[in-house]
mmCIF file of all heavy atoms, coordinates in Angstrom:
data_MODEL
# 
_entry.id   MODEL 
# 
loop_
_atom_site.group_PDB 
_atom_site.id 
_atom_site.type_symbol 
_atom_site.label_atom_id 
_atom_site.label_alt_id 
_atom_site.label_comp_id 
_atom_site.label_asym_id 
_atom_site.label_entity_id 
_atom_site.label_seq_id 
_atom_site.pdbx_PDB_ins_code 
_atom_site.Cartn_x 
_atom_site.Cartn_y 
_atom_site.Cartn_z 
_atom_site.occupancy 
_atom_site.B_iso_or_equiv 
_atom_site.pdbx_formal_charge 
_atom_site.auth_seq_id 
_atom_site.auth_comp_id 
_atom_site.auth_asym_id 
_atom_site.auth_atom_id 
_atom_site.pdbx_PDB_model_num 
ATOM 1   N N   . GLU A 1 1  ? -57.458 19.460 -42.421 1.00 0.00 ? 1  GLU A N   1 
ATOM 2   C CA  . GLU A 1 1  ? -57.682 18.773 -41.147 1.00 0.00 ? 1  GLU A CA  1 
ATOM 3   C C   . GLU A 1 1  ? -57.306 19.649 -39.964 1.00 0.00 ? 1  GLU A C   1 
ATOM 4   O O   . GLU A 1 1  ? -57.322 19.185 -38.814 1.00 0.00 ? 1  GLU A O   1 
ATOM 5   C CB  . GLU A 1 1  ? -56.913 17.452 -41.117 1.00 0.00 ? 1  GLU A CB  1 
ATOM 6   C CG  . GLU A 1 1  ? -57.404 16.461 -42.168 1.00 0.00 ? 1  GLU A CG  1 
ATOM 7   C CD  . GLU A 1 1  ? -56.866 15.068 -41.965 1.00 0.00 ? 1  GLU A CD  1 
ATOM 8   O OE1 . GLU A 1 1  ? -55.910 14.909 -41.181 1.00 0.00 ? 1  GLU A OE1 1 
ATOM 9   O OE2 . GLU A 1 1  ? -57.403 14.133 -42.584 1.00 0.00 ? 1  GLU A OE2 1 
ATOM 10  N N   . ASN A 1 2  ? -56.975 20.905 -40.233 1.00 0.00 ? 2  ASN A N   1 
ATOM 11  C CA  . ASN A 1 2  ? -56.683 21.869 -39.185 1.00 0.00 ? 2  ASN A CA  1 
ATOM 12  C C   . ASN A 1 2  ? -57.375 23.191 -39.516 1.00 0.00 ? 2  ASN A C   1 
ATOM 13  O O   . ASN A 1 2  ? -57.392 23.618 -40.673 1.00 0.00 ? 2  ASN A O   1 
ATOM 14  C CB  . ASN A 1 2  ? -55.170 22.107 -39.060 1.00 0.00 ? 2  ASN A CB  1 
ATOM 15  C CG  . ASN A 1 2  ? -54.432 20.886 -38.556 1.00 0.00 ? 2  ASN A CG  1 
ATOM 16  O OD1 . ASN A 1 2  ? -54.334 20.654 -37.363 1.00 0.00 ? 2  ASN A OD1 1 
ATOM 17  N ND2 . ASN A 1 2  ? -53.922 20.081 -39.490 1.00 0.00 ? 2  ASN A ND2 1 
ATOM 18  N N   . GLY A 1 3  ? -57.943 23.820 -38.518 1.00 0.00 ? 3  GLY A N   1 
ATOM 19  C CA  . GLY A 1 3  ? -58.585 25.120 -38.711 1.00 0.00 ? 3  GLY A CA  1 
ATOM 20  C C   . GLY A 1 3  ? -57.859 26.191 -37.910 1.00 0.00 ? 3  GLY A C   1 
ATOM 21  O O   . GLY A 1 3  ? -57.482 25.961 -36.755 1.00 0.00 ? 3  GLY A O   1 
ATOM 22  N N   . ILE A 1 4  ? -57.661 27.361 -38.520 1.00 0.00 ? 4  ILE A N   1 
ATOM 23  C CA  . ILE A 1 4  ? -56.995 28.476 -37.841 1.00 0.00 ? 4  ILE A CA  1 
ATOM 24  C C   . ILE A 1 4  ? -57.781 29.753 -38.122 1.00 0.00 ? 4  ILE A C   1 
ATOM 25  O O   . ILE A 1 4  ? -57.964 30.138 -39.283 1.00 0.00 ? 4  ILE A O   1 
ATOM 26  C CB  . ILE A 1 4  ? -55.534 28.637 -38.308 1.00 0.00 ? 4  ILE A CB  1 
ATOM 27  C CG1 . ILE A 1 4  ? -54.749 27.349 -38.030 1.00 0.00 ? 4  ILE A CG1 1 
ATOM 28  C CG2 . ILE A 1 4  ? -54.872 29.829 -37.631 1.00 0.00 ? 4  ILE A CG2 1 
ATOM 29  C CD1 . ILE A 1 4  ? -53.319 27.372 -38.557 1.00 0.00 ? 4  ILE A CD1 1 
ATOM 30  N N   . TYR A 1 5  ? -58.220 30.411 -37.057 1.00 0.00 ? 5  TYR A N   1 
ATOM 31  C CA  . TYR A 1 5  ? -59.032 31.626 -37.160 1.00 0.00 ? 5  TYR A CA  1 
ATOM 32  C C   . TYR A 1 5  ? -58.442 32.720 -36.276 1.00 0.00 ? 5  TYR A C   1 
ATOM 33  O O   . TYR A 1 5  ? -58.032 32.468 -35.145 1.00 0.00 ? 5  TYR A O   1 
ATOM 34  C CB  . TYR A 1 5  ? -60.475 31.338 -36.708 1.00 0.00 ? 5  TYR A CB  1 
ATOM 35  C CG  . TYR A 1 5  ? -61.281 30.535 -37.692 1.00 0.00 ? 5  TYR A CG  1 
ATOM 36  C CD1 . TYR A 1 5  ? -61.063 29.171 -37.851 1.00 0.00 ? 5  TYR A CD1 1 
ATOM 37  C CD2 . TYR A 1 5  ? -62.263 31.138 -38.480 1.00 0.00 ? 5  TYR A CD2 1 
ATOM 38  C CE1 . TYR A 1 5  ? -61.801 28.425 -38.759 1.00 0.00 ? 5  TYR A CE1 1 
ATOM 39  C CE2 . TYR A 1 5  ? -63.000 30.401 -39.392 1.00 0.00 ? 5  TYR A CE2 1 
ATOM 40  C CZ  . TYR A 1 5  ? -62.771 29.049 -39.531 1.00 0.00 ? 5  TYR A CZ  1 
ATOM 41  O OH  . TYR A 1 5  ? -63.500 28.320 -40.435 1.00 0.00 ? 5  TYR A OH  1 
ATOM 42  N N   . TRP A 1 6  ? -58.443 33.945 -36.795 1.00 0.00 ? 6  TRP A N   1 
ATOM 43  C CA  . TRP A 1 6  ? -57.906 35.074 -36.034 1.00 0.00 ? 6  TRP A CA  1 
ATOM 44  C C   . TRP A 1 6  ? -58.783 35.432 -34.838 1.00 0.00 ? 6  TRP A C   1 
ATOM 45  O O   . TRP A 1 6  ? -60.016 35.371 -34.915 1.00 0.00 ? 6  TRP A O   1 
ATOM 46  C CB  . TRP A 1 6  ? -57.769 36.321 -36.909 1.00 0.00 ? 6  TRP A CB  1 
ATOM 47  C CG  . TRP A 1 6  ? -56.669 36.342 -37.906 1.00 0.00 ? 6  TRP A CG  1 
ATOM 48  C CD1 . TRP A 1 6  ? -56.792 36.565 -39.253 1.00 0.00 ? 6  TRP A CD1 1 
ATOM 49  C CD2 . TRP A 1 6  ? -55.262 36.182 -37.661 1.00 0.00 ? 6  TRP A CD2 1 
ATOM 50  N NE1 . TRP A 1 6  ? -55.569 36.541 -39.858 1.00 0.00 ? 6  TRP A NE1 1 
ATOM 51  C CE2 . TRP A 1 6  ? -54.608 36.310 -38.905 1.00 0.00 ? 6  TRP A CE2 1 
ATOM 52  C CE3 . TRP A 1 6  ? -54.500 35.939 -36.525 1.00 0.00 ? 6  TRP A CE3 1 
ATOM 53  C CZ2 . TRP A 1 6  ? -53.218 36.202 -39.035 1.00 0.00 ? 6  TRP A CZ2 1 
ATOM 54  C CZ3 . TRP A 1 6  ? -53.117 35.819 -36.648 1.00 0.00 ? 6  TRP A CZ3 1 
ATOM 55  C CH2 . TRP A 1 6  ? -52.489 35.960 -37.893 1.00 0.00 ? 6  TRP A CH2 1 
ATOM 56  N N   . THR A 1 7  ? -58.130 35.877 -33.752 1.00 0.00 ? 7  THR A N   1 
ATOM 57  C CA  . THR A 1 7  ? -58.803 36.619 -32.693 1.00 0.00 ? 7  THR A CA  1 
ATOM 58  C C   . THR A 1 7  ? -58.435 38.090 -32.895 1.00 0.00 ? 7  THR A C   1 
ATOM 59  O O   . THR A 1 7  ? -57.702 38.440 -33.829 1.00 0.00 ? 7  THR A O   1 
ATOM 60  C CB  . THR A 1 7  ? -58.342 36.184 -31.290 1.00 0.00 ? 7  THR A CB  1 
ATOM 61  O OG1 . THR A 1 7  ? -57.022 36.699 -31.021 1.00 0.00 ? 7  THR A OG1 1 
ATOM 62  C CG2 . THR A 1 7  ? -58.333 34.662 -31.160 1.00 0.00 ? 7  THR A CG2 1 
ATOM 63  N N   . ASN A 1 8  ? -58.893 38.951 -32.004 1.00 0.00 ? 8  ASN A N   1 
ATOM 64  C CA  . ASN A 1 8  ? -58.658 40.389 -32.168 1.00 0.00 ? 8  ASN A CA  1 
ATOM 65  C C   . ASN A 1 8  ? -57.476 40.915 -31.366 1.00 0.00 ? 8  ASN A C   1 
ATOM 66  O O   . ASN A 1 8  ? -57.292 42.128 -31.252 1.00 0.00 ? 8  ASN A O   1 
ATOM 67  C CB  . ASN A 1 8  ? -59.911 41.172 -31.770 1.00 0.00 ? 8  ASN A CB  1 
ATOM 68  C CG  . ASN A 1 8  ? -60.106 41.218 -30.256 1.00 0.00 ? 8  ASN A CG  1 
ATOM 69  O OD1 . ASN A 1 8  ? -59.625 40.337 -29.526 1.00 0.00 ? 8  ASN A OD1 1 
ATOM 70  N ND2 . ASN A 1 8  ? -60.800 42.226 -29.773 1.00 0.00 ? 8  ASN A ND2 1 
ATOM 71  N N   . ILE A 1 9  ? -56.631 40.016 -30.835 1.00 0.00 ? 9  ILE A N   1 
ATOM 72  C CA  . ILE A 1 9  ? -55.582 40.465 -29.925 1.00 0.00 ? 9  ILE A CA  1 
ATOM 73  C C   . ILE A 1 9  ? -54.201 39.978 -30.377 1.00 0.00 ? 9  ILE A C   1 
ATOM 74  O O   . ILE A 1 9  ? -54.071 38.907 -30.981 1.00 0.00 ? 9  ILE A O   1 
ATOM 75  C CB  . ILE A 1 9  ? -55.880 39.983 -28.492 1.00 0.00 ? 9  ILE A CB  1 
ATOM 76  C CG1 . ILE A 1 9  ? -55.005 40.716 -27.463 1.00 0.00 ? 9  ILE A CG1 1 
ATOM 77  C CG2 . ILE A 1 9  ? -55.712 38.480 -28.368 1.00 0.00 ? 9  ILE A CG2 1 
ATOM 78  C CD1 . ILE A 1 9  ? -55.443 40.492 -26.035 1.00 0.00 ? 9  ILE A CD1 1 
ATOM 79  N N   . ILE A 1 10 ? -53.182 40.792 -30.105 1.00 0.00 ? 10 ILE A N   1 
ATOM 80  C CA  . ILE A 1 10 ? -51.823 40.392 -30.459 1.00 0.00 ? 10 ILE A CA  1 
ATOM 81  C C   . ILE A 1 10 ? -51.373 39.238 -29.561 1.00 0.00 ? 10 ILE A C   1 
ATOM 82  O O   . ILE A 1 10 ? -51.992 38.942 -28.542 1.00 0.00 ? 10 ILE A O   1 
ATOM 83  C CB  . ILE A 1 10 ? -50.820 41.567 -30.374 1.00 0.00 ? 10 ILE A CB  1 
ATOM 84  C CG1 . ILE A 1 10 ? -50.701 42.086 -28.942 1.00 0.00 ? 10 ILE A CG1 1 
ATOM 85  C CG2 . ILE A 1 10 ? -51.210 42.683 -31.329 1.00 0.00 ? 10 ILE A CG2 1 
ATOM 86  C CD1 . ILE A 1 10 ? -49.579 43.121 -28.788 1.00 0.00 ? 10 ILE A CD1 1 
ATOM 87  N N   . GLY A 1 11 ? -50.289 38.594 -29.959 1.00 0.00 ? 11 GLY A N   1 
ATOM 88  C CA  . GLY A 1 11 ? -49.826 37.410 -29.259 1.00 0.00 ? 11 GLY A CA  1 
ATOM 89  C C   . GLY A 1 11 ? -49.438 37.664 -27.806 1.00 0.00 ? 11 GLY A C   1 
ATOM 90  O O   . GLY A 1 11 ? -48.922 38.736 -27.468 1.00 0.00 ? 11 GLY A O   1 
ATOM 91  N N   . PHE A 1 12 ? -49.680 36.674 -26.974 1.00 0.00 ? 12 PHE A N   1 
ATOM 92  C CA  . PHE A 1 12 ? -49.319 36.751 -25.562 1.00 0.00 ? 12 PHE A CA  1 
ATOM 93  C C   . PHE A 1 12 ? -48.568 35.473 -25.214 1.00 0.00 ? 12 PHE A C   1 
ATOM 94  O O   . PHE A 1 12 ? -49.074 34.370 -25.376 1.00 0.00 ? 12 PHE A O   1 
ATOM 95  C CB  . PHE A 1 12 ? -50.569 36.889 -24.696 1.00 0.00 ? 12 PHE A CB  1 
ATOM 96  C CG  . PHE A 1 12 ? -50.267 37.166 -23.249 1.00 0.00 ? 12 PHE A CG  1 
ATOM 97  C CD1 . PHE A 1 12 ? -49.923 38.444 -22.836 1.00 0.00 ? 12 PHE A CD1 1 
ATOM 98  C CD2 . PHE A 1 12 ? -50.329 36.146 -22.313 1.00 0.00 ? 12 PHE A CD2 1 
ATOM 99  C CE1 . PHE A 1 12 ? -49.635 38.702 -21.500 1.00 0.00 ? 12 PHE A CE1 1 
ATOM 100 C CE2 . PHE A 1 12 ? -50.049 36.389 -20.978 1.00 0.00 ? 12 PHE A CE2 1 
ATOM 101 C CZ  . PHE A 1 12 ? -49.698 37.679 -20.570 1.00 0.00 ? 12 PHE A CZ  1 
ATOM 102 N N   . TYR A 1 13 ? -47.320 35.635 -24.739 1.00 0.00 ? 13 TYR A N   1 
ATOM 103 C CA  . TYR A 1 13 ? -46.482 34.463 -24.494 1.00 0.00 ? 13 TYR A CA  1 
ATOM 104 C C   . TYR A 1 13 ? -45.537 34.740 -23.335 1.00 0.00 ? 13 TYR A C   1 
ATOM 105 O O   . TYR A 1 13 ? -44.925 35.807 -23.257 1.00 0.00 ? 13 TYR A O   1 
ATOM 106 C CB  . TYR A 1 13 ? -45.683 34.118 -25.765 1.00 0.00 ? 13 TYR A CB  1 
ATOM 107 C CG  . TYR A 1 13 ? -44.800 32.909 -25.624 1.00 0.00 ? 13 TYR A CG  1 
ATOM 108 C CD1 . TYR A 1 13 ? -45.355 31.642 -25.443 1.00 0.00 ? 13 TYR A CD1 1 
ATOM 109 C CD2 . TYR A 1 13 ? -43.410 33.028 -25.680 1.00 0.00 ? 13 TYR A CD2 1 
ATOM 110 C CE1 . TYR A 1 13 ? -44.545 30.520 -25.324 1.00 0.00 ? 13 TYR A CE1 1 
ATOM 111 C CE2 . TYR A 1 13 ? -42.594 31.908 -25.560 1.00 0.00 ? 13 TYR A CE2 1 
ATOM 112 C CZ  . TYR A 1 13 ? -43.167 30.658 -25.373 1.00 0.00 ? 13 TYR A CZ  1 
ATOM 113 O OH  . TYR A 1 13 ? -42.364 29.550 -25.247 1.00 0.00 ? 13 TYR A OH  1 
ATOM 114 N N   . MET A 1 14 ? -45.436 33.780 -22.444 1.00 0.00 ? 14 MET A N   1 
ATOM 115 C CA  . MET A 1 14 ? -44.531 33.885 -21.296 1.00 0.00 ? 14 MET A CA  1 
ATOM 116 C C   . MET A 1 14 ? -44.758 35.170 -20.503 1.00 0.00 ? 14 MET A C   1 
ATOM 117 O O   . MET A 1 14 ? -43.822 35.851 -20.088 1.00 0.00 ? 14 MET A O   1 
ATOM 118 C CB  . MET A 1 14 ? -43.074 33.795 -21.762 1.00 0.00 ? 14 MET A CB  1 
ATOM 119 C CG  . MET A 1 14 ? -42.701 32.491 -22.444 1.00 0.00 ? 14 MET A CG  1 
ATOM 120 S SD  . MET A 1 14 ? -42.725 31.061 -21.327 1.00 0.00 ? 14 MET A SD  1 
ATOM 121 C CE  . MET A 1 14 ? -41.233 31.377 -20.371 1.00 0.00 ? 14 MET A CE  1 
ATOM 122 N N   . GLY A 1 15 ? -46.038 35.505 -20.324 1.00 0.00 ? 15 GLY A N   1 
ATOM 123 C CA  . GLY A 1 15 ? -46.376 36.629 -19.474 1.00 0.00 ? 15 GLY A CA  1 
ATOM 124 C C   . GLY A 1 15 ? -46.267 38.002 -20.096 1.00 0.00 ? 15 GLY A C   1 
ATOM 125 O O   . GLY A 1 15 ? -46.407 39.018 -19.403 1.00 0.00 ? 15 GLY A O   1 
ATOM 126 N N   . LYS A 1 16 ? -46.037 38.081 -21.420 1.00 0.00 ? 16 LYS A N   1 
ATOM 127 C CA  . LYS A 1 16 ? -45.966 39.392 -22.056 1.00 0.00 ? 16 LYS A CA  1 
ATOM 128 C C   . LYS A 1 16 ? -46.486 39.323 -23.487 1.00 0.00 ? 16 LYS A C   1 
ATOM 129 O O   . LYS A 1 16 ? -46.536 38.247 -24.096 1.00 0.00 ? 16 LYS A O   1 
ATOM 130 C CB  . LYS A 1 16 ? -44.540 39.932 -22.034 1.00 0.00 ? 16 LYS A CB  1 
ATOM 131 C CG  . LYS A 1 16 ? -43.544 39.128 -22.852 1.00 0.00 ? 16 LYS A CG  1 
ATOM 132 C CD  . LYS A 1 16 ? -42.158 39.781 -22.808 1.00 0.00 ? 16 LYS A CD  1 
ATOM 133 C CE  . LYS A 1 16 ? -41.166 39.020 -23.686 1.00 0.00 ? 16 LYS A CE  1 
ATOM 134 N NZ  . LYS A 1 16 ? -39.824 39.667 -23.661 1.00 0.00 ? 16 LYS A NZ  1 
ATOM 135 N N   . TYR A 1 17 ? -46.863 40.496 -24.005 1.00 0.00 ? 17 TYR A N   1 
ATOM 136 C CA  . TYR A 1 17 ? -47.374 40.558 -25.360 1.00 0.00 ? 17 TYR A CA  1 
ATOM 137 C C   . TYR A 1 17 ? -46.235 40.507 -26.367 1.00 0.00 ? 17 TYR A C   1 
ATOM 138 O O   . TYR A 1 17 ? -45.165 41.066 -26.152 1.00 0.00 ? 17 TYR A O   1 
ATOM 139 C CB  . TYR A 1 17 ? -48.199 41.838 -25.558 1.00 0.00 ? 17 TYR A CB  1 
ATOM 140 C CG  . TYR A 1 17 ? -49.502 41.796 -24.802 1.00 0.00 ? 17 TYR A CG  1 
ATOM 141 C CD1 . TYR A 1 17 ? -49.665 42.517 -23.619 1.00 0.00 ? 17 TYR A CD1 1 
ATOM 142 C CD2 . TYR A 1 17 ? -50.569 41.025 -25.264 1.00 0.00 ? 17 TYR A CD2 1 
ATOM 143 C CE1 . TYR A 1 17 ? -50.864 42.457 -22.908 1.00 0.00 ? 17 TYR A CE1 1 
ATOM 144 C CE2 . TYR A 1 17 ? -51.762 40.955 -24.570 1.00 0.00 ? 17 TYR A CE2 1 
ATOM 145 C CZ  . TYR A 1 17 ? -51.903 41.676 -23.388 1.00 0.00 ? 17 TYR A CZ  1 
ATOM 146 O OH  . TYR A 1 17 ? -53.083 41.602 -22.693 1.00 0.00 ? 17 TYR A OH  1 
ATOM 147 N N   . ASN A 1 18 ? -46.505 39.821 -27.472 1.00 0.00 ? 18 ASN A N   1 
ATOM 148 C CA  . ASN A 1 18 ? -45.522 39.643 -28.542 1.00 0.00 ? 18 ASN A CA  1 
ATOM 149 C C   . ASN A 1 18 ? -46.075 40.318 -29.789 1.00 0.00 ? 18 ASN A C   1 
ATOM 150 O O   . ASN A 1 18 ? -46.927 39.753 -30.486 1.00 0.00 ? 18 ASN A O   1 
ATOM 151 C CB  . ASN A 1 18 ? -45.301 38.150 -28.772 1.00 0.00 ? 18 ASN A CB  1 
ATOM 152 C CG  . ASN A 1 18 ? -44.278 37.864 -29.842 1.00 0.00 ? 18 ASN A CG  1 
ATOM 153 O OD1 . ASN A 1 18 ? -43.798 38.764 -30.517 1.00 0.00 ? 18 ASN A OD1 1 
ATOM 154 N ND2 . ASN A 1 18 ? -43.946 36.599 -30.000 1.00 0.00 ? 18 ASN A ND2 1 
ATOM 155 N N   . ALA A 1 19 ? -45.617 41.522 -30.084 1.00 0.00 ? 19 ALA A N   1 
ATOM 156 C CA  . ALA A 1 19 ? -46.225 42.367 -31.108 1.00 0.00 ? 19 ALA A CA  1 
ATOM 157 C C   . ALA A 1 19 ? -46.154 41.786 -32.518 1.00 0.00 ? 19 ALA A C   1 
ATOM 158 O O   . ALA A 1 19 ? -46.972 42.121 -33.372 1.00 0.00 ? 19 ALA A O   1 
ATOM 159 C CB  . ALA A 1 19 ? -45.579 43.753 -31.095 1.00 0.00 ? 19 ALA A CB  1 
ATOM 160 N N   . GLU A 1 20 ? -45.204 40.911 -32.798 1.00 0.00 ? 20 GLU A N   1 
ATOM 161 C CA  . GLU A 1 20 ? -45.078 40.396 -34.167 1.00 0.00 ? 20 GLU A CA  1 
ATOM 162 C C   . GLU A 1 20 ? -46.063 39.268 -34.461 1.00 0.00 ? 20 GLU A C   1 
ATOM 163 O O   . GLU A 1 20 ? -46.199 38.845 -35.613 1.00 0.00 ? 20 GLU A O   1 
ATOM 164 C CB  . GLU A 1 20 ? -43.647 39.905 -34.409 1.00 0.00 ? 20 GLU A CB  1 
ATOM 165 C CG  . GLU A 1 20 ? -43.250 38.720 -33.563 1.00 0.00 ? 20 GLU A CG  1 
ATOM 166 C CD  . GLU A 1 20 ? -41.751 38.457 -33.592 1.00 0.00 ? 20 GLU A CD  1 
ATOM 167 O OE1 . GLU A 1 20 ? -40.980 39.408 -33.791 1.00 0.00 ? 20 GLU A OE1 1 
ATOM 168 O OE2 . GLU A 1 20 ? -41.376 37.287 -33.420 1.00 0.00 ? 20 GLU A OE2 1 
ATOM 169 N N   . SER A 1 21 ? -46.778 38.800 -33.448 1.00 0.00 ? 21 SER A N   1 
ATOM 170 C CA  . SER A 1 21 ? -47.737 37.713 -33.644 1.00 0.00 ? 21 SER A CA  1 
ATOM 171 C C   . SER A 1 21 ? -49.119 38.124 -33.149 1.00 0.00 ? 21 SER A C   1 
ATOM 172 O O   . SER A 1 21 ? -49.287 39.169 -32.520 1.00 0.00 ? 21 SER A O   1 
ATOM 173 C CB  . SER A 1 21 ? -47.277 36.455 -32.897 1.00 0.00 ? 21 SER A CB  1 
ATOM 174 O OG  . SER A 1 21 ? -47.314 36.667 -31.495 1.00 0.00 ? 21 SER A OG  1 
ATOM 175 N N   . ALA A 1 22 ? -50.114 37.296 -33.440 1.00 0.00 ? 22 ALA A N   1 
ATOM 176 C CA  . ALA A 1 22 ? -51.473 37.513 -32.943 1.00 0.00 ? 22 ALA A CA  1 
ATOM 177 C C   . ALA A 1 22 ? -52.059 36.168 -32.544 1.00 0.00 ? 22 ALA A C   1 
ATOM 178 O O   . ALA A 1 22 ? -51.656 35.111 -33.051 1.00 0.00 ? 22 ALA A O   1 
ATOM 179 C CB  . ALA A 1 22 ? -52.350 38.174 -33.996 1.00 0.00 ? 22 ALA A CB  1 
ATOM 180 N N   . GLU A 1 23 ? -53.021 36.209 -31.625 1.00 0.00 ? 23 GLU A N   1 
ATOM 181 C CA  . GLU A 1 23 ? -53.645 34.990 -31.129 1.00 0.00 ? 23 GLU A CA  1 
ATOM 182 C C   . GLU A 1 23 ? -54.634 34.429 -32.154 1.00 0.00 ? 23 GLU A C   1 
ATOM 183 O O   . GLU A 1 23 ? -55.322 35.184 -32.850 1.00 0.00 ? 23 GLU A O   1 
ATOM 184 C CB  . GLU A 1 23 ? -54.383 35.267 -29.819 1.00 0.00 ? 23 GLU A CB  1 
ATOM 185 C CG  . GLU A 1 23 ? -53.501 35.819 -28.713 1.00 0.00 ? 23 GLU A CG  1 
ATOM 186 C CD  . GLU A 1 23 ? -52.646 34.738 -28.059 1.00 0.00 ? 23 GLU A CD  1 
ATOM 187 O OE1 . GLU A 1 23 ? -53.153 34.023 -27.183 1.00 0.00 ? 23 GLU A OE1 1 
ATOM 188 O OE2 . GLU A 1 23 ? -51.463 34.623 -28.452 1.00 0.00 ? 23 GLU A OE2 1 
ATOM 189 N N   . THR A 1 24 ? -54.715 33.113 -32.218 1.00 0.00 ? 24 THR A N   1 
ATOM 190 C CA  . THR A 1 24 ? -55.642 32.446 -33.130 1.00 0.00 ? 24 THR A CA  1 
ATOM 191 C C   . THR A 1 24 ? -56.397 31.342 -32.395 1.00 0.00 ? 24 THR A C   1 
ATOM 192 O O   . THR A 1 24 ? -55.931 30.792 -31.399 1.00 0.00 ? 24 THR A O   1 
ATOM 193 C CB  . THR A 1 24 ? -54.913 31.791 -34.323 1.00 0.00 ? 24 THR A CB  1 
ATOM 194 O OG1 . THR A 1 24 ? -53.993 30.807 -33.824 1.00 0.00 ? 24 THR A OG1 1 
ATOM 195 C CG2 . THR A 1 24 ? -54.176 32.819 -35.155 1.00 0.00 ? 24 THR A CG2 1 
ATOM 196 N N   . CYS A 1 25 ? -57.560 31.027 -32.918 1.00 0.00 ? 25 CYS A N   1 
ATOM 197 C CA  . CYS A 1 25 ? -58.303 29.831 -32.513 1.00 0.00 ? 25 CYS A CA  1 
ATOM 198 C C   . CYS A 1 25 ? -57.855 28.705 -33.429 1.00 0.00 ? 25 CYS A C   1 
ATOM 199 O O   . CYS A 1 25 ? -57.870 28.850 -34.655 1.00 0.00 ? 25 CYS A O   1 
ATOM 200 C CB  . CYS A 1 25 ? -59.799 30.071 -32.668 1.00 0.00 ? 25 CYS A CB  1 
ATOM 201 S SG  . CYS A 1 25 ? -60.768 28.571 -32.977 1.00 0.00 ? 25 CYS A SG  1 
ATOM 202 N N   . CYS A 1 26 ? -57.464 27.579 -32.842 1.00 0.00 ? 26 CYS A N   1 
ATOM 203 C CA  . CYS A 1 26 ? -57.016 26.438 -33.640 1.00 0.00 ? 26 CYS A CA  1 
ATOM 204 C C   . CYS A 1 26 ? -57.785 25.181 -33.242 1.00 0.00 ? 26 CYS A C   1 
ATOM 205 O O   . CYS A 1 26 ? -58.150 24.998 -32.083 1.00 0.00 ? 26 CYS A O   1 
ATOM 206 C CB  . CYS A 1 26 ? -55.528 26.188 -33.427 1.00 0.00 ? 26 CYS A CB  1 
ATOM 207 S SG  . CYS A 1 26 ? -54.462 27.586 -33.854 1.00 0.00 ? 26 CYS A SG  1 
ATOM 208 N N   . PHE A 1 27 ? -58.041 24.322 -34.209 1.00 0.00 ? 27 PHE A N   1 
ATOM 209 C CA  . PHE A 1 27 ? -58.640 23.021 -33.924 1.00 0.00 ? 27 PHE A CA  1 
ATOM 210 C C   . PHE A 1 27 ? -58.138 22.020 -34.951 1.00 0.00 ? 27 PHE A C   1 
ATOM 211 O O   . PHE A 1 27 ? -57.584 22.391 -35.995 1.00 0.00 ? 27 PHE A O   1 
ATOM 212 C CB  . PHE A 1 27 ? -60.174 23.096 -33.932 1.00 0.00 ? 27 PHE A CB  1 
ATOM 213 C CG  . PHE A 1 27 ? -60.789 23.597 -35.205 1.00 0.00 ? 27 PHE A CG  1 
ATOM 214 C CD1 . PHE A 1 27 ? -60.961 22.758 -36.299 1.00 0.00 ? 27 PHE A CD1 1 
ATOM 215 C CD2 . PHE A 1 27 ? -61.197 24.917 -35.317 1.00 0.00 ? 27 PHE A CD2 1 
ATOM 216 C CE1 . PHE A 1 27 ? -61.541 23.221 -37.473 1.00 0.00 ? 27 PHE A CE1 1 
ATOM 217 C CE2 . PHE A 1 27 ? -61.779 25.387 -36.485 1.00 0.00 ? 27 PHE A CE2 1 
ATOM 218 C CZ  . PHE A 1 27 ? -61.949 24.539 -37.566 1.00 0.00 ? 27 PHE A CZ  1 
ATOM 219 N N   . ASP A 1 28 ? -58.302 20.724 -34.648 1.00 0.00 ? 28 ASP A N   1 
ATOM 220 C CA  . ASP A 1 28 ? -57.785 19.701 -35.549 1.00 0.00 ? 28 ASP A CA  1 
ATOM 221 C C   . ASP A 1 28 ? -58.677 18.472 -35.580 1.00 0.00 ? 28 ASP A C   1 
ATOM 222 O O   . ASP A 1 28 ? -59.703 18.395 -34.887 1.00 0.00 ? 28 ASP A O   1 
ATOM 223 C CB  . ASP A 1 28 ? -56.348 19.319 -35.190 1.00 0.00 ? 28 ASP A CB  1 
ATOM 224 C CG  . ASP A 1 28 ? -56.212 18.790 -33.771 1.00 0.00 ? 28 ASP A CG  1 
ATOM 225 O OD1 . ASP A 1 28 ? -57.138 18.087 -33.310 1.00 0.00 ? 28 ASP A OD1 1 
ATOM 226 O OD2 . ASP A 1 28 ? -55.195 19.082 -33.116 1.00 0.00 ? 28 ASP A OD2 1 
# 
């Protein structure tokens, strides 16, 4: 009941990149 798909970019949080994570497309 939830979908998670990768994007091509590392995580971005609170105005800066977070190298240990990556952005995803999510839906429910």
